[in-house]
C-alpha atoms as a PDB file:
ATOM      1  CA  MET A   1      23.346 -71.492 -57.645  1.00  0.00           C
ATOM      2  CA  ALA A   2      25.516 -72.711 -60.491  1.00  0.00           C
ATOM      3  CA  LEU A   3      25.478 -74.525 -63.761  1.00  0.00           C
ATOM      4  CA  ARG A   4      27.474 -77.555 -64.828  1.00  0.00           C
ATOM      5  CA  PRO A   5      28.756 -78.451 -68.302  1.00  0.00           C
ATOM      6  CA  VAL A   6      27.191 -81.745 -69.296  1.00  0.00           C
ATOM      7  CA  GLN A   7      27.969 -81.942 -73.024  1.00  0.00           C
ATOM      8  CA  VAL A   8      29.974 -80.427 -75.862  1.00  0.00           C
ATOM      9  CA  ASN A   9      27.690 -79.720 -78.822  1.00  0.00           C
ATOM     10  CA  ILE A  10      29.263 -80.136 -82.251  1.00  0.00           C
ATOM     11  CA  LYS A  11      27.476 -79.156 -85.439  1.00  0.00           C
ATOM     12  CA  ALA A  12      27.924 -81.361 -88.436  1.00  0.00           C
ATOM     13  CA  LEU A  13      26.668 -82.072 -91.939  1.00  0.00           C
ATOM     14  CA  ASP A  14      26.590 -85.775 -91.036  1.00  0.00           C
ATOM     15  CA  ASP A  15      25.969 -86.296 -87.352  1.00  0.00           C
ATOM     16  CA  SER A  16      26.315 -90.089 -87.600  1.00  0.00           C
ATOM     17  CA  LEU A  17      29.746 -89.914 -89.278  1.00  0.00           C
ATOM     18  CA  VAL A  18      31.161 -87.329 -86.922  1.00  0.00           C
ATOM     19  CA  GLY A  19      29.553 -88.978 -83.907  1.00  0.00           C
ATOM     20  CA  ARG A  20      31.076 -92.371 -84.707  1.00  0.00           C
ATOM     21  CA  PHE A  21      34.448 -90.690 -85.150  1.00  0.00           C
ATOM     22  CA  TRP A  22      34.321 -89.073 -81.710  1.00  0.00           C
ATOM     23  CA  ALA A  23      33.099 -92.301 -80.096  1.00  0.00           C
ATOM     24  CA  GLU A  24      36.190 -94.054 -81.499  1.00  0.00           C
ATOM     25  CA  ALA A  25      38.403 -91.171 -80.354  1.00  0.00           C
ATOM     26  CA  LEU A  26      37.104 -91.307 -76.771  1.00  0.00           C
ATOM     27  CA  GLY A  27      36.469 -95.078 -76.493  1.00  0.00           C
ATOM     28  CA  TRP A  28      32.793 -94.359 -75.864  1.00  0.00           C
ATOM     29  CA  GLY A  29      29.500 -95.522 -77.359  1.00  0.00           C
ATOM     30  CA  VAL A  30      26.857 -93.853 -79.480  1.00  0.00           C
ATOM     31  CA  SER A  31      23.079 -93.487 -79.181  1.00  0.00           C
ATOM     32  CA  SER A  32      20.499 -91.147 -80.646  1.00  0.00           C
ATOM     33  CA  GLU A  33      17.755 -89.153 -78.927  1.00  0.00           C
ATOM     34  CA  GLY A  34      16.167 -88.417 -82.333  1.00  0.00           C
ATOM     35  CA  PRO A  35      16.804 -87.812 -86.055  1.00  0.00           C
ATOM     36  CA  GLY A  36      19.796 -85.653 -86.790  1.00  0.00           C
ATOM     37  CA  VAL A  37      21.369 -86.094 -83.365  1.00  0.00           C
ATOM     38  CA  THR A  38      24.139 -88.526 -82.301  1.00  0.00           C
ATOM     39  CA  ASN A  39      24.948 -88.788 -78.628  1.00  0.00           C
ATOM     40  CA  VAL A  40      28.474 -89.842 -77.711  1.00  0.00           C
ATOM     41  CA  GLU A  41      28.812 -90.982 -74.102  1.00  0.00           C
ATOM     42  CA  PRO A  42      30.582 -93.479 -71.900  1.00  0.00           C
ATOM     43  CA  GLY A  43      29.232 -97.032 -71.901  1.00  0.00           C
ATOM     44  CA  ALA A  44      28.937 -99.559 -69.090  1.00  0.00           C
ATOM     45  CA  GLY A  45      25.708 -98.388 -67.532  1.00  0.00           C
ATOM     46  CA  PHE A  46      26.269 -94.642 -68.034  1.00  0.00           C
ATOM     47  CA  VAL A  47      23.295 -92.494 -66.908  1.00  0.00           C
ATOM     48  CA  TRP A  48      23.027 -88.874 -68.038  1.00  0.00           C
ATOM     49  CA  PRO A  49      23.747 -86.418 -66.544  1.00  0.00           C
ATOM     50  CA  ASP A  50      26.952 -87.788 -65.030  1.00  0.00           C
ATOM     51  CA  PRO A  51      28.701 -85.820 -62.221  1.00  0.00           C
ATOM     52  CA  VAL A  52      32.064 -86.255 -63.983  1.00  0.00           C
ATOM     53  CA  ALA A  53      31.814 -86.957 -67.733  1.00  0.00           C
ATOM     54  CA  VAL A  54      31.168 -84.176 -70.257  1.00  0.00           C
ATOM     55  CA  CYS A  55      29.504 -85.931 -73.170  1.00  0.00           C
ATOM     56  CA  ILE A  56      29.353 -84.963 -76.851  1.00  0.00           C
ATOM     57  CA  ASP A  57      26.173 -84.277 -78.807  1.00  0.00           C
ATOM     58  CA  VAL A  58      26.642 -84.083 -82.620  1.00  0.00           C
ATOM     59  CA  VAL A  59      23.746 -82.228 -84.261  1.00  0.00           C
ATOM     60  CA  THR A  60      23.012 -81.994 -88.005  1.00  0.00           C
ATOM     61  CA  VAL A  61      23.057 -78.557 -89.587  1.00  0.00           C
ATOM     62  CA  PRO A  62      22.907 -77.636 -93.299  1.00  0.00           C
ATOM     63  CA  GLU A  63      25.962 -75.372 -93.318  1.00  0.00           C
ATOM     64  CA  PRO A  64      29.515 -76.730 -93.647  1.00  0.00           C
ATOM     65  CA  LYS A  65      32.278 -75.563 -91.283  1.00  0.00           C
ATOM     66  CA  ALA A  66      33.761 -72.210 -92.182  1.00  0.00           C
ATOM     67  CA  ALA A  67      37.356 -72.087 -93.341  1.00  0.00           C
ATOM     68  CA  SER A  68      38.482 -70.296 -90.194  1.00  0.00           C
ATOM     69  CA  LYS A  69      39.645 -72.217 -87.112  1.00  0.00           C
ATOM     70  CA  ASN A  70      37.040 -73.104 -84.539  1.00  0.00           C
ATOM     71  CA  ARG A  71      37.303 -70.932 -81.434  1.00  0.00           C
ATOM     72  CA  VAL A  72      36.352 -73.845 -79.227  1.00  0.00           C
ATOM     73  CA  HIS A  73      38.112 -77.268 -79.409  1.00  0.00           C
ATOM     74  CA  LEU A  74      38.941 -80.296 -77.373  1.00  0.00           C
ATOM     75  CA  ASP A  75      42.268 -81.542 -76.056  1.00  0.00           C
ATOM     76  CA  LEU A  76      42.479 -85.338 -75.578  1.00  0.00           C
ATOM     77  CA  ALA A  77      44.521 -86.907 -72.863  1.00  0.00           C
ATOM     78  CA  THR A  78      47.038 -89.713 -73.276  1.00  0.00           C
ATOM     79  CA  THR A  79      48.871 -91.871 -70.752  1.00  0.00           C
ATOM     80  CA  SER A  80      52.176 -92.422 -72.526  1.00  0.00           C
ATOM     81  CA  ALA A  81      54.089 -91.565 -75.689  1.00  0.00           C
ATOM     82  CA  ALA A  82      53.061 -94.921 -77.118  1.00  0.00           C
ATOM     83  CA  HIS A  83      49.401 -94.226 -76.369  1.00  0.00           C
ATOM     84  CA  GLN A  84      49.646 -90.809 -78.044  1.00  0.00           C
ATOM     85  CA  ALA A  85      51.210 -92.298 -81.182  1.00  0.00           C
ATOM     86  CA  GLU A  86      48.643 -95.126 -81.249  1.00  0.00           C
ATOM     87  CA  LEU A  87      45.731 -92.778 -80.841  1.00  0.00           C
ATOM     88  CA  VAL A  88      46.957 -90.388 -83.569  1.00  0.00           C
ATOM     89  CA  ALA A  89      47.496 -93.277 -85.973  1.00  0.00           C
ATOM     90  CA  ARG A  90      44.127 -94.765 -85.233  1.00  0.00           C
ATOM     91  CA  LEU A  91      42.260 -91.463 -85.615  1.00  0.00           C
ATOM     92  CA  ARG A  92      44.024 -90.775 -88.921  1.00  0.00           C
ATOM     93  CA  ALA A  93      42.883 -94.177 -90.172  1.00  0.00           C
ATOM     94  CA  LEU A  94      39.344 -93.146 -89.218  1.00  0.00           C
ATOM     95  CA  GLY A  95      39.482 -89.962 -91.239  1.00  0.00           C
ATOM     96  CA  ALA A  96      41.293 -87.374 -89.119  1.00  0.00           C
ATOM     97  CA  THR A  97      43.742 -85.121 -90.946  1.00  0.00           C
ATOM     98  CA  PRO A  98      46.762 -83.101 -89.661  1.00  0.00           C
ATOM     99  CA  ALA A  99      45.892 -79.475 -89.035  1.00  0.00           C
ATOM    100  CA  ASP A 100      48.207 -76.424 -89.001  1.00  0.00           C
ATOM    101  CA  VAL A 101      46.912 -73.728 -86.670  1.00  0.00           C
ATOM    102  CA  GLY A 102      50.267 -72.078 -86.249  1.00  0.00           C
ATOM    103  CA  GLN A 103      51.272 -74.364 -83.408  1.00  0.00           C
ATOM    104  CA  GLY A 104      54.908 -74.634 -84.524  1.00  0.00           C
ATOM    105  CA  ASP A 105      57.175 -77.321 -83.000  1.00  0.00           C
ATOM    106  CA  VAL A 106      55.175 -78.784 -80.161  1.00  0.00           C
ATOM    107  CA  LEU A 107      54.810 -82.124 -78.385  1.00  0.00           C
ATOM    108  CA  PHE A 108      51.097 -82.430 -79.011  1.00  0.00           C
ATOM    109  CA  GLN A 109      49.468 -83.325 -82.295  1.00  0.00           C
ATOM    110  CA  VAL A 110      46.895 -81.107 -83.925  1.00  0.00           C
ATOM    111  CA  LEU A 111      44.290 -82.909 -86.070  1.00  0.00           C
ATOM    112  CA  ALA A 112      40.894 -82.219 -87.540  1.00  0.00           C
ATOM    113  CA  ASP A 113      37.948 -84.594 -87.487  1.00  0.00           C
ATOM    114  CA  PRO A 114      36.268 -85.700 -90.778  1.00  0.00           C
ATOM    115  CA  GLU A 115      34.434 -82.396 -91.065  1.00  0.00           C
ATOM    116  CA  GLY A 116      37.414 -80.217 -90.247  1.00  0.00           C
ATOM    117  CA  ASN A 117      36.864 -79.530 -86.524  1.00  0.00           C
ATOM    118  CA  GLU A 118      40.297 -79.090 -84.917  1.00  0.00           C
ATOM    119  CA  PHE A 119      41.402 -80.899 -81.824  1.00  0.00           C
ATOM    120  CA  CYS A 120      44.665 -81.754 -80.038  1.00  0.00           C
ATOM    121  CA  VAL A 121      46.028 -85.100 -78.941  1.00  0.00           C
ATOM    122  CA  LEU A 122      48.258 -84.169 -76.009  1.00  0.00           C
ATOM    123  CA  GLU A 123      51.495 -85.760 -74.964  1.00  0.00           C
ATOM    124  CA  PRO A 124      51.112 -87.413 -71.505  1.00  0.00           C
ATOM    125  CA  ARG A 125      50.799 -84.795 -68.782  1.00  0.00           C
ATOM    126  CA  GLU A 126      50.521 -85.617 -65.120  1.00  0.00           C
ATOM    127  CA  ILE A 127      47.883 -82.927 -64.532  1.00  0.00           C
ATOM    128  CA  TYR A 128      45.453 -84.714 -66.844  1.00  0.00           C
ATOM    129  CA  ARG A 129      45.908 -88.252 -65.513  1.00  0.00           C
ATOM    130  CA  ASP A 130      42.382 -88.288 -63.969  1.00  0.00           C
ATOM    131  CA  THR A 131      40.299 -86.241 -66.387  1.00  0.00           C
ATOM    132  CA  GLY A 132      39.108 -89.096 -68.573  1.00  0.00           C
ATOM    133  CA  PRO A 133      39.647 -89.003 -72.341  1.00  0.00           C
ATOM    134  CA  ILE A 134      38.728 -85.296 -72.653  1.00  0.00           C
ATOM    135  CA  ALA A 135      41.478 -83.376 -70.868  1.00  0.00           C
ATOM    136  CA  VAL A 136      40.461 -79.826 -71.668  1.00  0.00           C
ATOM    137  CA  VAL A 137      37.751 -77.820 -73.394  1.00  0.00           C
ATOM    138  CA  VAL A 138      39.724 -74.900 -74.876  1.00  0.00           C
ATOM    139  CA  VAL A 139      38.190 -71.542 -75.789  1.00  0.00           C
ATOM    140  CA  ASP A 140      40.000 -68.892 -77.849  1.00  0.00           C
ATOM    141  CA  CYS A 141      39.363 -65.432 -76.510  1.00  0.00           C
ATOM    142  CA  VAL A 142      40.596 -61.832 -76.253  1.00  0.00           C
ATOM    143  CA  ASP A 143      40.692 -61.494 -72.510  1.00  0.00           C
ATOM    144  CA  PRO A 144      41.292 -64.670 -70.491  1.00  0.00           C
ATOM    145  CA  ARG A 145      41.014 -62.880 -67.169  1.00  0.00           C
ATOM    146  CA  ALA A 146      37.521 -61.538 -67.982  1.00  0.00           C
ATOM    147  CA  MET A 147      36.403 -64.863 -69.366  1.00  0.00           C
ATOM    148  CA  ALA A 148      37.646 -66.626 -66.209  1.00  0.00           C
ATOM    149  CA  ARG A 149      35.606 -64.257 -64.080  1.00  0.00           C
ATOM    150  CA  PHE A 150      32.427 -64.827 -66.087  1.00  0.00           C
ATOM    151  CA  TRP A 151      32.704 -68.636 -66.403  1.00  0.00           C
ATOM    152  CA  GLY A 152      33.978 -69.048 -62.878  1.00  0.00           C
ATOM    153  CA  GLU A 153      30.819 -67.362 -61.621  1.00  0.00           C
ATOM    154  CA  ALA A 154      28.621 -69.181 -64.102  1.00  0.00           C
ATOM    155  CA  LEU A 155      29.859 -72.622 -63.121  1.00  0.00           C
ATOM    156  CA  ASP A 156      31.218 -71.998 -59.585  1.00  0.00           C
ATOM    157  CA  TRP A 157      34.432 -73.729 -60.681  1.00  0.00           C
ATOM    158  CA  SER A 158      37.818 -73.252 -59.150  1.00  0.00           C
ATOM    159  CA  LEU A 159      40.433 -71.027 -60.785  1.00  0.00           C
ATOM    160  CA  HIS A 160      43.690 -73.014 -61.114  1.00  0.00           C
ATOM    161  CA  GLU A 161      45.786 -70.458 -62.982  1.00  0.00           C
ATOM    162  CA  VAL A 162      45.270 -67.085 -64.645  1.00  0.00           C
ATOM    163  CA  THR A 163      47.642 -64.786 -66.653  1.00  0.00           C
ATOM    164  CA  ASP A 164      47.104 -62.311 -69.422  1.00  0.00           C
ATOM    165  CA  ASP A 165      47.574 -65.160 -71.899  1.00  0.00           C
ATOM    166  CA  HIS A 166      45.499 -67.976 -70.419  1.00  0.00           C
ATOM    167  CA  ALA A 167      43.179 -68.983 -67.585  1.00  0.00           C
ATOM    168  CA  VAL A 168      42.337 -72.506 -66.360  1.00  0.00           C
ATOM    169  CA  LEU A 169      39.230 -73.610 -64.441  1.00  0.00           C
ATOM    170  CA  ARG A 170      38.057 -76.931 -63.108  1.00  0.00           C
ATOM    171  CA  SER A 171      35.157 -78.316 -61.080  1.00  0.00           C
ATOM    172  CA  ALA A 172      35.558 -77.534 -57.414  1.00  0.00           C
ATOM    173  CA  ALA A 173      35.245 -81.280 -56.843  1.00  0.00           C
ATOM    174  CA  GLY A 174      38.410 -81.833 -58.854  1.00  0.00           C
ATOM    175  CA  VAL A 175      36.819 -84.171 -61.394  1.00  0.00           C
ATOM    176  CA  GLY A 176      36.323 -84.188 -65.156  1.00  0.00           C
ATOM    177  CA  PRO A 177      37.990 -82.033 -67.815  1.00  0.00           C
ATOM    178  CA  TYR A 178      39.477 -78.622 -67.391  1.00  0.00           C
ATOM    179  CA  LEU A 179      38.148 -75.430 -69.077  1.00  0.00           C
ATOM    180  CA  GLU A 180      40.883 -73.261 -70.498  1.00  0.00           C
ATOM    181  CA  PHE A 181      40.745 -69.783 -72.076  1.00  0.00           C
ATOM    182  CA  LEU A 182      43.610 -68.923 -74.432  1.00  0.00           C
ATOM    183  CA  ARG A 183      44.375 -65.441 -75.570  1.00  0.00           C
ATOM    184  CA  THR A 184      44.256 -65.608 -79.383  1.00  0.00           C
ATOM    185  CA  PRO A 185      44.716 -62.950 -82.066  1.00  0.00           C
ATOM    186  CA  GLY A 186      41.539 -61.829 -83.755  1.00  0.00           C
ATOM    187  CA  VAL A 187      37.951 -61.784 -82.564  1.00  0.00           C
ATOM    188  CA  LYS A 188      35.004 -64.078 -83.091  1.00  0.00           C
ATOM    189  CA  THR A 189      33.408 -63.463 -86.504  1.00  0.00           C
ATOM    190  CA  VAL A 190      31.307 -66.590 -87.229  1.00  0.00           C
ATOM    191  CA  PRO A 191      28.999 -68.714 -85.092  1.00  0.00           C
ATOM    192  CA  ASP A 192      30.776 -71.333 -83.018  1.00  0.00           C
ATOM    193  CA  ARG A 193      30.763 -74.841 -84.558  1.00  0.00           C
ATOM    194  CA  VAL A 194      31.407 -76.231 -81.095  1.00  0.00           C
ATOM    195  CA  HIS A 195      29.789 -75.005 -77.876  1.00  0.00           C
ATOM    196  CA  LEU A 196      28.988 -76.038 -74.312  1.00  0.00           C
ATOM    197  CA  ASP A 197      25.591 -77.145 -73.051  1.00  0.00           C
ATOM    198  CA  LEU A 198      24.996 -76.390 -69.388  1.00  0.00           C
ATOM    199  CA  LEU A 199      22.521 -77.874 -66.929  1.00  0.00           C
ATOM    200  CA  PRO A 200      21.213 -76.274 -63.730  1.00  0.00           C
ATOM    201  CA  ASN A 201      22.009 -78.164 -60.534  1.00  0.00           C
ATOM    202  CA  PRO A 202      19.119 -80.106 -58.978  1.00  0.00           C
ATOM    203  CA  GLY A 203      16.583 -77.743 -57.542  1.00  0.00           C
ATOM    204  CA  ASP A 204      17.836 -74.718 -59.495  1.00  0.00           C
ATOM    205  CA  ASP A 205      15.606 -72.984 -62.075  1.00  0.00           C
ATOM    206  CA  GLN A 206      16.657 -72.585 -65.672  1.00  0.00           C
ATOM    207  CA  LYS A 207      15.183 -69.083 -66.035  1.00  0.00           C
ATOM    208  CA  VAL A 208      16.695 -67.895 -62.772  1.00  0.00           C
ATOM    209  CA  GLU A 209      20.077 -69.169 -63.876  1.00  0.00           C
ATOM    210  CA  ALA A 210      19.729 -67.431 -67.241  1.00  0.00           C
ATOM    211  CA  ALA A 211      18.907 -64.136 -65.457  1.00  0.00           C
ATOM    212  CA  ARG A 212      21.944 -64.594 -63.211  1.00  0.00           C
ATOM    213  CA  LEU A 213      24.221 -65.050 -66.213  1.00  0.00           C
ATOM    214  CA  ARG A 214      22.753 -61.968 -67.987  1.00  0.00           C
ATOM    215  CA  ALA A 215      23.672 -59.986 -64.891  1.00  0.00           C
ATOM    216  CA  LEU A 216      27.258 -61.285 -65.327  1.00  0.00           C
ATOM    217  CA  GLY A 217      27.378 -60.134 -68.946  1.00  0.00           C
ATOM    218  CA  ALA A 218      25.676 -62.909 -70.992  1.00  0.00           C
ATOM    219  CA  THR A 219      23.291 -61.916 -73.757  1.00  0.00           C
ATOM    220  CA  ASP A 220      20.272 -63.705 -75.241  1.00  0.00           C
ATOM    221  CA  LEU A 221      20.822 -65.353 -78.597  1.00  0.00           C
ATOM    222  CA  ASP A 222      18.468 -66.177 -81.407  1.00  0.00           C
ATOM    223  CA  VAL A 223      19.894 -68.848 -83.686  1.00  0.00           C
ATOM    224  CA  GLY A 224      16.518 -69.817 -85.099  1.00  0.00           C
ATOM    225  CA  GLN A 225      15.922 -72.348 -82.347  1.00  0.00           C
ATOM    226  CA  GLY A 226      12.167 -71.594 -82.088  1.00  0.00           C
ATOM    227  CA  ASP A 227      10.179 -73.111 -79.230  1.00  0.00           C
ATOM    228  CA  VAL A 228      12.631 -75.435 -77.515  1.00  0.00           C
ATOM    229  CA  PRO A 229      13.193 -76.454 -73.913  1.00  0.00           C
ATOM    230  CA  TRP A 230      16.753 -75.003 -73.813  1.00  0.00           C
ATOM    231  CA  MET A 231      17.799 -71.372 -73.751  1.00  0.00           C
ATOM    232  CA  CYS A 232      20.512 -69.999 -76.031  1.00  0.00           C
ATOM    233  CA  LEU A 233      22.848 -67.295 -74.746  1.00  0.00           C
ATOM    234  CA  ALA A 234      26.332 -65.902 -75.477  1.00  0.00           C
ATOM    235  CA  ASP A 235      29.105 -65.117 -73.108  1.00  0.00           C
ATOM    236  CA  PRO A 236      30.701 -61.623 -72.951  1.00  0.00           C
ATOM    237  CA  GLU A 237      32.896 -62.407 -76.024  1.00  0.00           C
ATOM    238  CA  GLY A 238      30.010 -63.876 -78.012  1.00  0.00           C
ATOM    239  CA  HIS A 239      30.634 -67.594 -77.542  1.00  0.00           C
ATOM    240  CA  GLU A 240      27.346 -69.389 -77.765  1.00  0.00           C
ATOM    241  CA  PHE A 241      26.110 -71.749 -75.064  1.00  0.00           C
ATOM    242  CA  CYS A 242      22.853 -73.349 -74.110  1.00  0.00           C
ATOM    243  CA  ILE A 243      21.150 -73.783 -70.712  1.00  0.00           C
ATOM    244  CA  LEU A 244      19.242 -77.007 -70.808  1.00  0.00           C
ATOM    245  CA  GLY A 245      15.893 -77.673 -69.156  1.00  0.00           C
ATOM    246  CA  THR A 246      15.894 -79.923 -66.108  1.00  0.00           C
ATOM    247  CA  SER A 247      12.694 -81.865 -66.899  1.00  0.00           C
END
């Protein structure tokens, strides 16, 4: 039994605006499953769920982003210094702004999307040559080792590296983006603006998977979702995630 990340959920005041931005950032297309939702996904005959791509769903909410930095963000891959420079320039023209999260003098560029969601445009790194445009989903946390244990069990992903300061996981099949946990000062104080949506593998049961994750330390979460086909939970450090229905 295991779950697989199938999309990154981003809350927004204007799902269409933010969705179009992320489509341009990734070179993907947009669609909509209903009012207030913009789906960002690869084109050229893409069928969801894909065994490799982690898509983006932008969902309208009434609350603006808090002033504090998001504790979940995306790192984008580039193939060369020229590609990195071109991507940064293009995204700034589309409404991205430079962001200072205390990164200091680094080779990657930290930006924020039109509603302030931080992300990084990485310098070319060999390790990310085959991830697709999303290189890493990064989660700020207090204890990377504990988070790696929970998420490794939740997803049945391979542990690539773990220290007191960070932990890195990836699909055992060696495809798609990495999942990285970074030790970060402070604790989570506001709901995540960005979270992962997980899907049970074919033949696995959503409720059984939720019970398995509760046994690993997850907790049920009421965010006012009402009667919906997905289940909202939080990991041991309080990061929200959803387990989608399979039907």
